[in-house]
Amino acid sequence: MNKLLLILIFFFLVLFNVIYAIINLNETDNFNNTKLEKFEAEQQEAKAQFLANTGIIILTGFGLFVKFLNGYSNNKL
């Protein structure tokens, strides 16, 4: 049950990060921007992608840590 719960949490957090990145990209998709506005839009896009990737990396590391603790408690290392 715990593994299923962790998988579901990981899936929904990744899904949330991807939806957030897509919404952020759609808000900044204007073709009549000045150079400064385009630069700010690129910065927001990079920030959204960074947050999504960071969330995925942190959750993957947490999942591996939990797997390590589970193996350690069962003496299966």
C-alpha atoms as a PDB file:
ATOM      1  CA  MET A   1       0.000   0.000   0.000  1.00  0.00           C
ATOM      2  CA  ASN A   2       2.820   2.399   0.834  1.00  0.00           C
ATOM      3  CA  LYS A   3       4.510   1.845  -2.525  1.00  0.00           C
ATOM      4  CA  LEU A   4       1.248   2.514  -4.361  1.00  0.00           C
ATOM      5  CA  LEU A   5       0.733   5.685  -2.338  1.00  0.00           C
ATOM      6  CA  LEU A   6       4.256   6.910  -3.125  1.00  0.00           C
ATOM      7  CA  ILE A   7       3.766   6.177  -6.827  1.00  0.00           C
ATOM      8  CA  LEU A   8       0.460   8.085  -6.858  1.00  0.00           C
ATOM      9  CA  ILE A   9       1.972  11.073  -5.021  1.00  0.00           C
ATOM     10  CA  PHE A  10       4.933  11.101  -7.423  1.00  0.00           C
ATOM     11  CA  PHE A  11       2.613  10.881 -10.454  1.00  0.00           C
ATOM     12  CA  PHE A  12       0.363  13.734  -9.333  1.00  0.00           C
ATOM     13  CA  LEU A  13       3.271  15.999  -8.382  1.00  0.00           C
ATOM     14  CA  VAL A  14       4.926  15.438 -11.755  1.00  0.00           C
ATOM     15  CA  LEU A  15       1.576  16.028 -13.473  1.00  0.00           C
ATOM     16  CA  PHE A  16       1.096  19.252 -11.485  1.00  0.00           C
ATOM     17  CA  ASN A  17       4.589  20.473 -12.449  1.00  0.00           C
ATOM     18  CA  VAL A  18       3.965  19.754 -16.131  1.00  0.00           C
ATOM     19  CA  ILE A  19       0.573  21.516 -16.081  1.00  0.00           C
ATOM     20  CA  TYR A  20       2.152  24.497 -14.304  1.00  0.00           C
ATOM     21  CA  ALA A  21       4.875  24.709 -16.944  1.00  0.00           C
ATOM     22  CA  ILE A  22       2.317  24.516 -19.790  1.00  0.00           C
ATOM     23  CA  ILE A  23       0.145  27.244 -18.226  1.00  0.00           C
ATOM     24  CA  ASN A  24       3.200  29.430 -17.718  1.00  0.00           C
ATOM     25  CA  LEU A  25       4.197  28.956 -21.367  1.00  0.00           C
ATOM     26  CA  ASN A  26       0.697  29.817 -22.617  1.00  0.00           C
ATOM     27  CA  GLU A  27       0.587  33.024 -20.578  1.00  0.00           C
ATOM     28  CA  THR A  28       3.802  34.266 -22.177  1.00  0.00           C
ATOM     29  CA  ASP A  29       2.995  33.290 -25.771  1.00  0.00           C
ATOM     30  CA  ASN A  30       2.506  36.733 -27.322  1.00  0.00           C
ATOM     31  CA  PHE A  31       4.068  37.673 -30.658  1.00  0.00           C
ATOM     32  CA  ASN A  32       3.848  41.460 -30.182  1.00  0.00           C
ATOM     33  CA  ASN A  33       6.262  41.617 -27.252  1.00  0.00           C
ATOM     34  CA  THR A  34       9.147  44.015 -26.915  1.00  0.00           C
ATOM     35  CA  LYS A  35      12.649  42.662 -26.384  1.00  0.00           C
ATOM     36  CA  LEU A  36      12.377  43.143 -22.615  1.00  0.00           C
ATOM     37  CA  GLU A  37       9.035  41.341 -22.467  1.00  0.00           C
ATOM     38  CA  LYS A  38      10.446  38.472 -24.544  1.00  0.00           C
ATOM     39  CA  PHE A  39      13.430  38.247 -22.194  1.00  0.00           C
ATOM     40  CA  GLU A  40      11.125  38.184 -19.148  1.00  0.00           C
ATOM     41  CA  ALA A  41       8.963  35.517 -20.806  1.00  0.00           C
ATOM     42  CA  GLU A  42      12.037  33.385 -21.475  1.00  0.00           C
ATOM     43  CA  GLN A  43      13.081  33.797 -17.855  1.00  0.00           C
ATOM     44  CA  GLN A  44       9.645  32.658 -16.642  1.00  0.00           C
ATOM     45  CA  GLU A  45       9.759  29.713 -19.045  1.00  0.00           C
ATOM     46  CA  ALA A  46      13.201  28.693 -17.789  1.00  0.00           C
ATOM     47  CA  LYS A  47      12.059  29.067 -14.176  1.00  0.00           C
ATOM     48  CA  ALA A  48       8.992  26.868 -14.779  1.00  0.00           C
ATOM     49  CA  GLN A  49      11.112  24.202 -16.460  1.00  0.00           C
ATOM     50  CA  PHE A  50      13.670  24.374 -13.656  1.00  0.00           C
ATOM     51  CA  LEU A  51      10.962  23.926 -11.022  1.00  0.00           C
ATOM     52  CA  ALA A  52       9.472  20.964 -12.871  1.00  0.00           C
ATOM     53  CA  ASN A  53      12.870  19.273 -13.267  1.00  0.00           C
ATOM     54  CA  THR A  54      13.846  20.007  -9.659  1.00  0.00           C
ATOM     55  CA  GLY A  55      10.598  18.495  -8.406  1.00  0.00           C
ATOM     56  CA  ILE A  56      11.139  15.356 -10.467  1.00  0.00           C
ATOM     57  CA  ILE A  57      14.742  14.992  -9.221  1.00  0.00           C
ATOM     58  CA  ILE A  58      13.781  15.523  -5.568  1.00  0.00           C
ATOM     59  CA  LEU A  59      10.894  13.047  -5.761  1.00  0.00           C
ATOM     60  CA  THR A  60      13.065  10.453  -7.494  1.00  0.00           C
ATOM     61  CA  GLY A  61      15.754  10.853  -4.828  1.00  0.00           C
ATOM     62  CA  PHE A  62      13.142  10.555  -2.095  1.00  0.00           C
ATOM     63  CA  GLY A  63      11.745   7.404  -3.682  1.00  0.00           C
ATOM     64  CA  LEU A  64      15.212   5.834  -3.893  1.00  0.00           C
ATOM     65  CA  PHE A  65      15.872   6.803  -0.270  1.00  0.00           C
ATOM     66  CA  VAL A  66      12.621   5.161   0.841  1.00  0.00           C
ATOM     67  CA  LYS A  67      13.525   2.075  -1.199  1.00  0.00           C
ATOM     68  CA  PHE A  68      16.943   1.999   0.493  1.00  0.00           C
ATOM     69  CA  LEU A  69      15.377   2.289   3.948  1.00  0.00           C
ATOM     70  CA  ASN A  70      12.905  -0.468   3.131  1.00  0.00           C
ATOM     71  CA  GLY A  71      15.717  -2.759   1.978  1.00  0.00           C
ATOM     72  CA  TYR A  72      17.810  -1.859   5.020  1.00  0.00           C
ATOM     73  CA  SER A  73      14.978  -2.652   7.416  1.00  0.00           C
ATOM     74  CA  ASN A  74      14.406  -6.014   5.707  1.00  0.00           C
ATOM     75  CA  ASN A  75      18.174  -6.810   5.589  1.00  0.00           C
ATOM     76  CA  LYS A  76      18.078  -7.239   1.807  1.00  0.00           C
ATOM     77  CA  LEU A  77      21.023  -5.017   0.919  1.00  0.00           C
END
